[in-house]
PDB file of all heavy atoms in Angstrom:
ATOM      1  N   GLU A   1       0.806  -1.223  -0.004  1.00  0.00           N
ATOM      2  CA  GLU A   1       0.019  -0.011  -0.039  1.00  0.00           C
ATOM      3  C   GLU A   1       0.841   1.267  -0.020  1.00  0.00           C
ATOM      4  O   GLU A   1       0.418   2.296   0.547  1.00  0.00           O
ATOM      5  CB  GLU A   1      -0.957  -0.011   1.234  1.00  0.00           C
ATOM      6  CG  GLU A   1      -2.005  -1.052   1.191  1.00  0.00           C
ATOM      7  CD  GLU A   1      -3.120  -0.725   0.154  1.00  0.00           C
ATOM      8  OE1 GLU A   1      -3.036   0.316  -0.464  1.00  0.00           O
ATOM      9  OE2 GLU A   1      -3.977  -1.529   0.027  1.00  0.00           O
ATOM     10  N   ARG A   2       2.020   1.253  -0.599  1.00  0.00           N
ATOM     11  CA  ARG A   2       2.850   2.405  -0.527  1.00  0.00           C
ATOM     12  C   ARG A   2       2.208   3.611  -1.150  1.00  0.00           C
ATOM     13  O   ARG A   2       2.506   4.785  -0.757  1.00  0.00           O
ATOM     14  CB  ARG A   2       4.179   2.132  -1.248  1.00  0.00           C
ATOM     15  CG  ARG A   2       4.107   1.896  -2.744  1.00  0.00           C
ATOM     16  CD  ARG A   2       5.450   1.622  -3.338  1.00  0.00           C
ATOM     17  NE  ARG A   2       5.369   1.324  -4.786  1.00  0.00           N
ATOM     18  CZ  ARG A   2       6.433   0.932  -5.498  1.00  0.00           C
ATOM     19  NH1 ARG A   2       7.608   0.856  -4.973  1.00  0.00           N
ATOM     20  NH2 ARG A   2       6.251   0.689  -6.804  1.00  0.00           N
ATOM     21  N   ALA A   3       1.311   3.460  -2.135  1.00  0.00           N
ATOM     22  CA  ALA A   3       0.705   4.600  -2.822  1.00  0.00           C
ATOM     23  C   ALA A   3      -0.412   5.198  -1.976  1.00  0.00           C
ATOM     24  O   ALA A   3      -0.764   6.401  -2.213  1.00  0.00           O
ATOM     25  CB  ALA A   3       0.105   4.156  -4.163  1.00  0.00           C
ATOM     26  N   ARG A   4      -0.971   4.412  -1.043  1.00  0.00           N
ATOM     27  CA  ARG A   4      -2.145   4.892  -0.314  1.00  0.00           C
ATOM     28  C   ARG A   4      -1.939   5.071   1.220  1.00  0.00           C
ATOM     29  O   ARG A   4      -2.693   5.750   1.835  1.00  0.00           O
ATOM     30  CB  ARG A   4      -3.333   3.944  -0.534  1.00  0.00           C
ATOM     31  CG  ARG A   4      -3.837   3.931  -1.916  1.00  0.00           C
ATOM     32  CD  ARG A   4      -5.130   3.165  -2.058  1.00  0.00           C
ATOM     33  NE  ARG A   4      -4.999   1.716  -1.918  1.00  0.00           N
ATOM     34  CZ  ARG A   4      -5.870   0.854  -2.429  1.00  0.00           C
ATOM     35  NH1 ARG A   4      -6.960   1.262  -3.049  1.00  0.00           N
ATOM     36  NH2 ARG A   4      -5.713  -0.464  -2.253  1.00  0.00           N
ATOM     37  N   ILE A   5      -0.905   4.389   1.779  1.00  0.00           N
ATOM     38  CA  ILE A   5      -0.864   4.284   3.205  1.00  0.00           C
ATOM     39  C   ILE A   5      -0.659   5.635   3.911  1.00  0.00           C
ATOM     40  O   ILE A   5      -1.250   5.889   4.980  1.00  0.00           O
ATOM     41  CB  ILE A   5       0.164   3.238   3.651  1.00  0.00           C
ATOM     42  CG1 ILE A   5      -0.016   2.815   5.117  1.00  0.00           C
ATOM     43  CG2 ILE A   5       1.616   3.756   3.397  1.00  0.00           C
ATOM     44  CD1 ILE A   5      -1.368   2.181   5.361  1.00  0.00           C
ATOM     45  N   LEU A   6       0.193   6.500   3.331  1.00  0.00           N
ATOM     46  CA  LEU A   6       0.407   7.775   4.050  1.00  0.00           C
ATOM     47  C   LEU A   6      -0.842   8.676   3.990  1.00  0.00           C
ATOM     48  O   LEU A   6      -1.232   9.218   5.063  1.00  0.00           O
ATOM     49  CB  LEU A   6       1.615   8.478   3.445  1.00  0.00           C
ATOM     50  CG  LEU A   6       2.962   7.859   3.799  1.00  0.00           C
ATOM     51  CD1 LEU A   6       4.115   8.688   3.157  1.00  0.00           C
ATOM     52  CD2 LEU A   6       3.176   7.707   5.277  1.00  0.00           C
ATOM     53  N   PRO A   7      -1.489   8.871   2.815  1.00  0.00           N
ATOM     54  CA  PRO A   7      -2.731   9.631   2.869  1.00  0.00           C
ATOM     55  C   PRO A   7      -3.812   9.010   3.786  1.00  0.00           C
ATOM     56  O   PRO A   7      -4.546   9.732   4.456  1.00  0.00           O
ATOM     57  CB  PRO A   7      -3.220   9.638   1.404  1.00  0.00           C
ATOM     58  CG  PRO A   7      -1.960   9.413   0.613  1.00  0.00           C
ATOM     59  CD  PRO A   7      -1.078   8.530   1.446  1.00  0.00           C
ATOM     60  N   THR A   8      -3.832   7.690   3.839  1.00  0.00           N
ATOM     61  CA  THR A   8      -4.788   7.024   4.721  1.00  0.00           C
ATOM     62  C   THR A   8      -4.458   7.263   6.175  1.00  0.00           C
ATOM     63  O   THR A   8      -5.376   7.696   6.954  1.00  0.00           O
ATOM     64  CB  THR A   8      -4.745   5.487   4.452  1.00  0.00           C
ATOM     65  OG1 THR A   8      -5.292   5.215   3.152  1.00  0.00           O
ATOM     66  CG2 THR A   8      -5.554   4.743   5.576  1.00  0.00           C
ATOM     67  N   LEU A   9      -3.222   7.186   6.583  1.00  0.00           N
ATOM     68  CA  LEU A   9      -2.887   7.462   7.972  1.00  0.00           C
ATOM     69  C   LEU A   9      -3.091   8.928   8.335  1.00  0.00           C
ATOM     70  O   LEU A   9      -3.499   9.227   9.443  1.00  0.00           O
ATOM     71  CB  LEU A   9      -1.430   7.059   8.229  1.00  0.00           C
ATOM     72  CG  LEU A   9      -1.198   5.518   8.245  1.00  0.00           C
ATOM     73  CD1 LEU A   9       0.293   5.242   8.441  1.00  0.00           C
ATOM     74  CD2 LEU A   9      -1.975   4.824   9.363  1.00  0.00           C
ATOM     75  N   GLU A  10      -2.792   9.814   7.417  1.00  0.00           N
ATOM     76  CA  GLU A  10      -3.035  11.235   7.652  1.00  0.00           C
ATOM     77  C   GLU A  10      -4.489  11.512   7.937  1.00  0.00           C
ATOM     78  O   GLU A  10      -4.879  12.260   8.813  1.00  0.00           O
ATOM     79  CB  GLU A  10      -2.523  12.074   6.480  1.00  0.00           C
ATOM     80  CG  GLU A  10      -0.995  12.100   6.355  1.00  0.00           C
ATOM     81  CD  GLU A  10      -0.557  12.668   5.053  1.00  0.00           C
ATOM     82  OE1 GLU A  10      -1.391  12.962   4.190  1.00  0.00           O
ATOM     83  OE2 GLU A  10       0.715  12.758   4.853  1.00  0.00           O
ATOM     84  N   ALA A  11      -5.385  10.847   7.141  1.00  0.00           N
ATOM     85  CA  ALA A  11      -6.797  11.036   7.265  1.00  0.00           C
ATOM     86  C   ALA A  11      -7.298  10.402   8.625  1.00  0.00           C
ATOM     87  O   ALA A  11      -8.120  11.006   9.308  1.00  0.00           O
ATOM     88  CB  ALA A  11      -7.546  10.400   6.087  1.00  0.00           C
ATOM     89  N   VAL A  12      -6.781   9.254   8.943  1.00  0.00           N
ATOM     90  CA  VAL A  12      -7.185   8.585  10.163  1.00  0.00           C
ATOM     91  C   VAL A  12      -6.780   9.363  11.387  1.00  0.00           C
ATOM     92  O   VAL A  12      -7.564   9.588  12.294  1.00  0.00           O
ATOM     93  CB  VAL A  12      -6.639   7.140  10.228  1.00  0.00           C
ATOM     94  CG1 VAL A  12      -6.905   6.526  11.596  1.00  0.00           C
ATOM     95  CG2 VAL A  12      -7.270   6.289   9.127  1.00  0.00           C
ATOM     96  N   ILE A  13      -5.542   9.832  11.402  1.00  0.00           N
ATOM     97  CA  ILE A  13      -5.047  10.571  12.591  1.00  0.00           C
ATOM     98  C   ILE A  13      -5.778  11.943  12.658  1.00  0.00           C
ATOM     99  O   ILE A  13      -6.112  12.378  13.792  1.00  0.00           O
ATOM    100  CB  ILE A  13      -3.531  10.778  12.501  1.00  0.00           C
ATOM    101  CG1 ILE A  13      -2.813   9.442  12.644  1.00  0.00           C
ATOM    102  CG2 ILE A  13      -3.057  11.799  13.522  1.00  0.00           C
ATOM    103  CD1 ILE A  13      -3.108   8.720  13.946  1.00  0.00           C
ATOM    104  N   ALA A  14      -6.051  12.556  11.526  1.00  0.00           N
ATOM    105  CA  ALA A  14      -6.815  13.802  11.587  1.00  0.00           C
ATOM    106  C   ALA A  14      -8.201  13.565  12.166  1.00  0.00           C
ATOM    107  O   ALA A  14      -8.677  14.395  13.004  1.00  0.00           O
ATOM    108  CB  ALA A  14      -6.926  14.355  10.153  1.00  0.00           C
ATOM    109  N   ALA A  15      -8.819  12.493  11.819  1.00  0.00           N
ATOM    110  CA  ALA A  15     -10.167  12.152  12.375  1.00  0.00           C
ATOM    111  C   ALA A  15     -10.093  11.862  13.881  1.00  0.00           C
ATOM    112  O   ALA A  15     -10.935  12.300  14.642  1.00  0.00           O
ATOM    113  CB  ALA A  15     -10.784  10.991  11.618  1.00  0.00           C
ATOM    114  N   VAL A  16      -9.092  11.071  14.251  1.00  0.00           N
ATOM    115  CA  VAL A  16      -8.911  10.718  15.675  1.00  0.00           C
ATOM    116  C   VAL A  16      -8.813  11.975  16.478  1.00  0.00           C
ATOM    117  O   VAL A  16      -9.457  12.140  17.547  1.00  0.00           O
ATOM    118  CB  VAL A  16      -7.671   9.834  15.833  1.00  0.00           C
ATOM    119  CG1 VAL A  16      -7.261   9.754  17.316  1.00  0.00           C
ATOM    120  CG2 VAL A  16      -7.939   8.434  15.316  1.00  0.00           C
ATOM    121  N   ARG A  17      -8.001  12.947  16.032  1.00  0.00           N
ATOM    122  CA  ARG A  17      -7.755  14.109  16.813  1.00  0.00           C
ATOM    123  C   ARG A  17      -8.928  15.119  16.755  1.00  0.00           C
ATOM    124  O   ARG A  17      -9.258  15.758  17.750  1.00  0.00           O
ATOM    125  CB  ARG A  17      -6.424  14.786  16.354  1.00  0.00           C
ATOM    126  CG  ARG A  17      -5.266  13.888  16.627  1.00  0.00           C
ATOM    127  CD  ARG A  17      -3.949  14.399  16.075  1.00  0.00           C
ATOM    128  NE  ARG A  17      -2.828  13.513  16.382  1.00  0.00           N
ATOM    129  CZ  ARG A  17      -1.564  13.705  15.926  1.00  0.00           C
ATOM    130  NH1 ARG A  17      -1.262  14.750  15.186  1.00  0.00           N
ATOM    131  NH2 ARG A  17      -0.640  12.817  16.257  1.00  0.00           N
ATOM    132  N   SER A  18      -9.545  15.251  15.580  1.00  0.00           N
ATOM    133  CA  SER A  18     -10.661  16.199  15.512  1.00  0.00           C
ATOM    134  C   SER A  18     -11.872  15.738  16.259  1.00  0.00           C
ATOM    135  O   SER A  18     -12.617  16.567  16.798  1.00  0.00           O
ATOM    136  CB  SER A  18     -11.017  16.454  14.043  1.00  0.00           C
ATOM    137  OG  SER A  18     -11.524  15.262  13.407  1.00  0.00           O
ATOM    138  N   HIS A  19     -12.107  14.409  16.282  1.00  0.00           N
ATOM    139  CA  HIS A  19     -13.256  13.878  17.066  1.00  0.00           C
ATOM    140  C   HIS A  19     -12.964  13.702  18.537  1.00  0.00           C
ATOM    141  O   HIS A  19     -13.875  13.447  19.330  1.00  0.00           O
ATOM    142  CB  HIS A  19     -13.682  12.502  16.450  1.00  0.00           C
ATOM    143  CG  HIS A  19     -14.394  12.651  15.183  1.00  0.00           C
ATOM    144  ND1 HIS A  19     -15.715  12.967  15.042  1.00  0.00           N
ATOM    145  CD2 HIS A  19     -13.943  12.428  13.898  1.00  0.00           C
ATOM    146  CE1 HIS A  19     -16.091  12.973  13.754  1.00  0.00           C
ATOM    147  NE2 HIS A  19     -15.039  12.636  13.027  1.00  0.00           N
ATOM    148  N   GLY A  20     -11.667  13.818  18.914  1.00  0.00           N
ATOM    149  CA  GLY A  20     -11.280  13.585  20.281  1.00  0.00           C
ATOM    150  C   GLY A  20     -11.392  12.138  20.710  1.00  0.00           C
ATOM    151  O   GLY A  20     -11.581  11.841  21.892  1.00  0.00           O
ATOM    152  N   TRP A  21     -11.229  11.223  19.733  1.00  0.00           N
ATOM    153  CA  TRP A  21     -11.239   9.775  20.091  1.00  0.00           C
ATOM    154  C   TRP A  21      -9.957   9.442  20.798  1.00  0.00           C
ATOM    155  O   TRP A  21      -8.864   9.776  20.347  1.00  0.00           O
ATOM    156  CB  TRP A  21     -11.361   8.933  18.839  1.00  0.00           C
ATOM    157  CG  TRP A  21     -12.564   9.071  17.996  1.00  0.00           C
ATOM    158  CD1 TRP A  21     -13.789   9.478  18.431  1.00  0.00           C
ATOM    159  CD2 TRP A  21     -12.696   8.902  16.576  1.00  0.00           C
ATOM    160  NE1 TRP A  21     -14.688   9.523  17.376  1.00  0.00           N
ATOM    161  CE2 TRP A  21     -13.993   9.179  16.227  1.00  0.00           C
ATOM    162  CE3 TRP A  21     -11.796   8.490  15.569  1.00  0.00           C
ATOM    163  CZ2 TRP A  21     -14.507   9.070  14.911  1.00  0.00           C
ATOM    164  CZ3 TRP A  21     -12.264   8.372  14.310  1.00  0.00           C
ATOM    165  CH2 TRP A  21     -13.558   8.672  13.950  1.00  0.00           C
ATOM    166  N   PHE A  22     -10.059   8.801  21.940  1.00  0.00           N
ATOM    167  CA  PHE A  22      -8.873   8.259  22.633  1.00  0.00           C
ATOM    168  C   PHE A  22      -8.586   6.904  21.987  1.00  0.00           C
ATOM    169  O   PHE A  22      -9.200   5.925  22.328  1.00  0.00           O
ATOM    170  CB  PHE A  22      -9.138   8.106  24.097  1.00  0.00           C
ATOM    171  CG  PHE A  22      -7.975   7.614  24.893  1.00  0.00           C
ATOM    172  CD1 PHE A  22      -6.647   7.774  24.485  1.00  0.00           C
ATOM    173  CD2 PHE A  22      -8.184   6.904  26.096  1.00  0.00           C
ATOM    174  CE1 PHE A  22      -5.575   7.307  25.197  1.00  0.00           C
ATOM    175  CE2 PHE A  22      -7.078   6.413  26.822  1.00  0.00           C
ATOM    176  CZ  PHE A  22      -5.791   6.640  26.365  1.00  0.00           C
ATOM    177  N   ALA A  23      -7.719   6.938  20.980  1.00  0.00           N
ATOM    178  CA  ALA A  23      -7.593   5.753  20.088  1.00  0.00           C
ATOM    179  C   ALA A  23      -6.149   5.400  19.778  1.00  0.00           C
ATOM    180  O   ALA A  23      -5.269   6.241  19.805  1.00  0.00           O
ATOM    181  CB  ALA A  23      -8.376   6.055  18.806  1.00  0.00           C
ATOM    182  N   GLU A  24      -5.956   4.164  19.402  1.00  0.00           N
ATOM    183  CA  GLU A  24      -4.715   3.705  18.811  1.00  0.00           C
ATOM    184  C   GLU A  24      -5.083   3.291  17.345  1.00  0.00           C
ATOM    185  O   GLU A  24      -6.251   2.946  17.056  1.00  0.00           O
ATOM    186  CB  GLU A  24      -4.173   2.495  19.535  1.00  0.00           C
ATOM    187  CG  GLU A  24      -5.048   1.262  19.528  1.00  0.00           C
ATOM    188  CD  GLU A  24      -4.414   0.029  20.144  1.00  0.00           C
ATOM    189  OE1 GLU A  24      -3.209   0.041  20.382  1.00  0.00           O
ATOM    190  OE2 GLU A  24      -5.127  -1.003  20.307  1.00  0.00           O
ATOM    191  N   VAL A  25      -4.090   3.356  16.479  1.00  0.00           N
ATOM    192  CA  VAL A  25      -4.238   2.934  15.091  1.00  0.00           C
ATOM    193  C   VAL A  25      -3.209   1.867  14.816  1.00  0.00           C
ATOM    194  O   VAL A  25      -2.031   2.081  14.953  1.00  0.00           O
ATOM    195  CB  VAL A  25      -4.038   4.153  14.142  1.00  0.00           C
ATOM    196  CG1 VAL A  25      -4.220   3.698  12.669  1.00  0.00           C
ATOM    197  CG2 VAL A  25      -5.038   5.255  14.496  1.00  0.00           C
ATOM    198  N   ILE A  26      -3.654   0.693  14.422  1.00  0.00           N
ATOM    199  CA  ILE A  26      -2.802  -0.445  14.176  1.00  0.00           C
ATOM    200  C   ILE A  26      -2.780  -0.746  12.679  1.00  0.00           C
ATOM    201  O   ILE A  26      -3.831  -1.126  12.094  1.00  0.00           O
ATOM    202  CB  ILE A  26      -3.266  -1.689  14.977  1.00  0.00           C
ATOM    203  CG1 ILE A  26      -3.354  -1.409  16.460  1.00  0.00           C
ATOM    204  CG2 ILE A  26      -2.294  -2.876  14.716  1.00  0.00           C
ATOM    205  CD1 ILE A  26      -3.996  -2.499  17.248  1.00  0.00           C
ATOM    206  N   VAL A  27      -1.624  -0.615  12.045  1.00  0.00           N
ATOM    207  CA  VAL A  27      -1.451  -1.066  10.703  1.00  0.00           C
ATOM    208  C   VAL A  27      -0.879  -2.477  10.678  1.00  0.00           C
ATOM    209  O   VAL A  27       0.151  -2.700  11.324  1.00  0.00           O
ATOM    210  CB  VAL A  27      -0.546  -0.070   9.901  1.00  0.00           C
ATOM    211  CG1 VAL A  27      -0.379  -0.635   8.451  1.00  0.00           C
ATOM    212  CG2 VAL A  27      -1.100   1.301   9.909  1.00  0.00           C
ATOM    213  N   VAL A  28      -1.580  -3.430  10.075  1.00  0.00           N
ATOM    214  CA  VAL A  28      -1.113  -4.773  10.020  1.00  0.00           C
ATOM    215  C   VAL A  28      -0.509  -5.032   8.590  1.00  0.00           C
ATOM    216  O   VAL A  28      -1.242  -5.058   7.620  1.00  0.00           O
ATOM    217  CB  VAL A  28      -2.232  -5.791  10.303  1.00  0.00           C
ATOM    218  CG1 VAL A  28      -1.620  -7.209  10.291  1.00  0.00           C
ATOM    219  CG2 VAL A  28      -2.869  -5.518  11.626  1.00  0.00           C
ATOM    220  N   ASN A  29       0.820  -5.112   8.535  1.00  0.00           N
ATOM    221  CA  ASN A  29       1.459  -5.302   7.274  1.00  0.00           C
ATOM    222  C   ASN A  29       1.418  -6.773   6.879  1.00  0.00           C
ATOM    223  O   ASN A  29       2.013  -7.594   7.559  1.00  0.00           O
ATOM    224  CB  ASN A  29       2.914  -4.807   7.376  1.00  0.00           C
ATOM    225  CG  ASN A  29       3.663  -4.987   6.023  1.00  0.00           C
ATOM    226  OD1 ASN A  29       3.109  -4.835   4.974  1.00  0.00           O
ATOM    227  ND2 ASN A  29       4.973  -5.319   6.132  1.00  0.00           N
ATOM    228  N   ASP A  30       0.784  -7.056   5.783  1.00  0.00           N
ATOM    229  CA  ASP A  30       0.566  -8.467   5.369  1.00  0.00           C
ATOM    230  C   ASP A  30       1.620  -8.983   4.384  1.00  0.00           C
ATOM    231  O   ASP A  30       1.322  -9.335   3.281  1.00  0.00           O
ATOM    232  CB  ASP A  30      -0.852  -8.601   4.740  1.00  0.00           C
ATOM    233  CG  ASP A  30      -1.225 -10.073   4.498  1.00  0.00           C
ATOM    234  OD1 ASP A  30      -0.723 -10.948   5.203  1.00  0.00           O
ATOM    235  OD2 ASP A  30      -2.080 -10.281   3.638  1.00  0.00           O
ATOM    236  N   GLY A  31       2.892  -8.898   4.865  1.00  0.00           N
ATOM    237  CA  GLY A  31       3.970  -9.407   4.016  1.00  0.00           C
ATOM    238  C   GLY A  31       4.238  -8.533   2.781  1.00  0.00           C
ATOM    239  O   GLY A  31       4.599  -9.079   1.706  1.00  0.00           O
TER     240      GLY A  31
END
């Protein structure tokens, strides 16, 4: 997912912080 993973993580972290979710984000790299 090299083409998508950074924009995806940026969007997820932005949502976590804007919503105030006390959250962890786990990326599972499938080989």
